[in-house]
């Protein structure tokens, strides 16, 4: 959740993510922080390179959790959580990443440790996840899956 707040702040997004507003903000930030604006060896060039990477990462992250993106992928997501089973999972901080047997992988944000422990100890993990995780937490397709595809 901290990551989401930082990226929203970077792009000056108050509440819900509107892809048009995000794209406009992204373009303006890229123009401002593009490393090519600086000469080789210039003090600001290194900072601009770091900032431009942060801008690009933030943009792709926010696009992946935008309501429009989720709506366009809803059919695939629903099919995965209803027809596939859990292959593997990993919990770190408040992030739960679940990999399914159909090779798709999703990240769920804000999953507290006590919910993860209940999920872990459940004798029917898929049933527990359907009831308590899949539609209760903000999610996105895992970047890991996108790299493998």
Protein backbone atom coordinates (compact mmCIF):
# COMPACT_ATOMS: atom_id res chain seq x y z
CA UNK A 1 0.00 0.00 0.00
CA UNK A 2 2.93 2.32 0.68
CA UNK A 3 4.16 1.76 -2.86
CA UNK A 4 0.76 2.66 -4.29
CA UNK A 5 0.63 5.87 -2.24
CA UNK A 6 4.14 6.85 -3.34
CA UNK A 7 3.35 6.33 -7.02
CA UNK A 8 0.04 8.18 -6.75
CA UNK A 9 1.86 11.07 -5.10
CA UNK A 10 4.52 11.05 -7.84
CA UNK A 11 1.84 11.36 -10.54
CA UNK A 12 -0.35 13.74 -8.49
CA UNK A 13 -3.29 11.32 -8.38
CA UNK A 14 -5.69 11.96 -5.54
CA UNK A 15 -8.19 9.11 -5.56
CA UNK A 16 -9.00 6.64 -8.33
CA UNK A 17 -6.67 6.14 -11.25
CA UNK A 18 -7.85 7.62 -14.54
CA UNK A 19 -5.67 6.34 -17.38
CA UNK A 20 -5.94 9.58 -19.39
CA UNK A 21 -4.80 11.71 -16.45
CA UNK A 22 -2.07 9.21 -15.61
CA UNK A 23 -0.77 9.20 -19.19
CA UNK A 24 -0.67 13.00 -19.34
CA UNK A 25 1.16 13.22 -16.03
CA UNK A 26 3.55 10.48 -17.15
CA UNK A 27 4.43 12.34 -20.35
CA UNK A 28 5.07 15.58 -18.47
CA UNK A 29 7.28 13.86 -15.91
CA UNK A 30 9.26 12.02 -18.59
CA UNK A 31 9.89 15.29 -20.43
CA UNK A 32 11.03 16.92 -17.21
CA UNK A 33 13.30 14.09 -16.03
CA UNK A 34 14.58 12.57 -19.28
CA UNK A 35 18.33 11.83 -18.91
CA UNK A 36 19.07 13.10 -22.44
CA UNK A 37 18.31 16.64 -21.24
CA UNK A 38 21.61 16.57 -19.36
CA UNK A 39 25.16 16.52 -20.71
CA UNK A 40 27.45 13.56 -20.00
CA UNK A 41 29.00 13.98 -16.57
CA UNK A 42 26.42 16.55 -15.53
CA UNK A 43 25.44 16.40 -11.87
CA UNK A 44 21.73 16.04 -12.64
CA UNK A 45 22.13 13.25 -15.19
CA UNK A 46 22.46 10.46 -12.62
CA UNK A 47 19.51 11.77 -10.62
CA UNK A 48 17.47 12.05 -13.84
CA UNK A 49 18.26 8.42 -14.74
CA UNK A 50 17.07 7.21 -11.34
CA UNK A 51 13.99 9.42 -11.42
CA UNK A 52 13.08 8.36 -14.98
CA UNK A 53 13.28 4.67 -13.96
CA UNK A 54 11.03 5.41 -10.99
CA UNK A 55 8.57 7.24 -13.27
CA UNK A 56 8.47 4.35 -15.75
CA UNK A 57 8.05 1.72 -13.00
CA UNK A 58 5.35 3.79 -11.31
CA UNK A 59 3.46 4.30 -14.55
CA UNK A 60 3.40 0.58 -15.41
CA UNK A 61 2.43 -0.29 -11.84
CA UNK A 62 -0.46 2.18 -11.71
CA UNK A 63 -1.69 1.12 -15.15
CA UNK A 64 -1.79 -2.49 -13.92
CA UNK A 65 -4.09 -1.62 -10.99
CA UNK A 66 -6.25 0.95 -12.79
CA UNK A 67 -9.99 0.19 -12.87
CA UNK A 68 -10.00 0.16 -16.69
CA UNK A 69 -7.20 -2.42 -16.78
CA UNK A 70 -8.91 -4.59 -14.18
CA UNK A 71 -12.22 -4.39 -16.08
CA UNK A 72 -10.60 -5.45 -19.34
CA UNK A 73 -8.92 -8.43 -17.64
CA UNK A 74 -11.89 -9.41 -15.45
CA UNK A 75 -12.97 -12.34 -17.62
CA UNK A 76 -9.51 -13.98 -17.52
CA UNK A 77 -9.17 -13.28 -13.80
CA UNK A 78 -12.58 -14.77 -13.03
CA UNK A 79 -11.80 -17.85 -15.09
CA UNK A 80 -8.50 -18.32 -13.24
CA UNK A 81 -9.93 -18.00 -9.72
CA UNK A 82 -12.93 -20.18 -10.50
CA UNK A 83 -11.39 -22.95 -12.63
CA UNK A 84 -7.73 -23.17 -11.68
CA UNK A 85 -6.14 -24.20 -8.43
CA UNK A 86 -3.27 -22.75 -6.42
CA UNK A 87 0.19 -23.94 -7.38
CA UNK A 88 2.31 -21.77 -5.10
CA UNK A 89 2.11 -18.66 -2.96
CA UNK A 90 4.40 -16.24 -1.18
CA UNK A 91 3.66 -13.60 1.48
CA UNK A 92 6.01 -10.72 2.20
CA UNK A 93 4.94 -7.75 4.26
CA UNK A 94 1.40 -7.03 3.11
CA UNK A 95 1.88 -8.53 -0.36
CA UNK A 96 0.55 -11.99 -1.16
CA UNK A 97 1.55 -13.46 -4.51
CA UNK A 98 -0.40 -16.49 -5.71
CA UNK A 99 0.60 -18.61 -8.70
CA UNK A 100 -2.11 -20.77 -10.22
CA UNK A 101 -1.92 -24.08 -12.08
CA UNK A 102 -2.84 -22.32 -15.33
CA UNK A 103 0.53 -20.47 -14.95
CA UNK A 104 -1.05 -17.11 -14.16
CA UNK A 105 0.16 -15.23 -11.14
CA UNK A 106 -1.48 -12.39 -9.19
CA UNK A 107 -0.32 -10.05 -6.45
CA UNK A 108 -2.75 -9.06 -3.69
CA UNK A 109 -1.98 -5.86 -1.78
CA UNK A 110 -2.71 -5.17 1.87
CA UNK A 111 -3.14 -8.79 2.99
CA UNK A 112 -2.36 -8.78 6.73
CA UNK A 113 -0.35 -11.52 8.37
CA UNK A 114 -3.34 -12.89 10.33
CA UNK A 115 -5.32 -13.43 7.08
CA UNK A 116 -2.30 -15.09 5.49
CA UNK A 117 -1.90 -17.40 8.52
CA UNK A 118 -5.57 -18.40 8.26
CA UNK A 119 -5.06 -19.04 4.54
CA UNK A 120 -1.89 -21.04 5.23
CA UNK A 121 -3.56 -23.18 7.92
CA UNK A 122 -6.76 -23.75 5.99
CA UNK A 123 -7.33 -27.32 4.85
CA UNK A 124 -9.18 -25.88 1.81
CA UNK A 125 -6.93 -23.00 0.75
CA UNK A 126 -8.68 -22.33 -2.57
CA UNK A 127 -12.05 -22.08 -0.86
CA UNK A 128 -10.63 -19.75 1.79
CA UNK A 129 -8.95 -17.59 -0.88
CA UNK A 130 -12.17 -17.32 -2.91
CA UNK A 131 -14.09 -16.17 0.16
CA UNK A 132 -11.50 -14.01 1.90
CA UNK A 133 -8.79 -12.87 -0.52
CA UNK A 134 -9.59 -12.84 -4.25
CA UNK A 135 -12.26 -10.15 -4.24
CA UNK A 136 -11.37 -8.49 -0.94
CA UNK A 137 -7.97 -7.03 -1.77
CA UNK A 138 -6.55 -4.87 -4.52
CA UNK A 139 -4.80 -7.12 -7.04
CA UNK A 140 -2.87 -7.07 -10.28
CA UNK A 141 -1.29 -9.57 -12.62
CA UNK A 142 2.11 -10.40 -11.27
CA UNK A 143 5.08 -8.86 -13.01
CA UNK A 144 6.76 -12.25 -12.67
CA UNK A 145 4.16 -13.81 -14.94
CA UNK A 146 4.50 -11.03 -17.49
CA UNK A 147 8.26 -11.60 -17.69
CA UNK A 148 7.87 -15.33 -18.25
CA UNK A 149 5.28 -14.96 -21.01
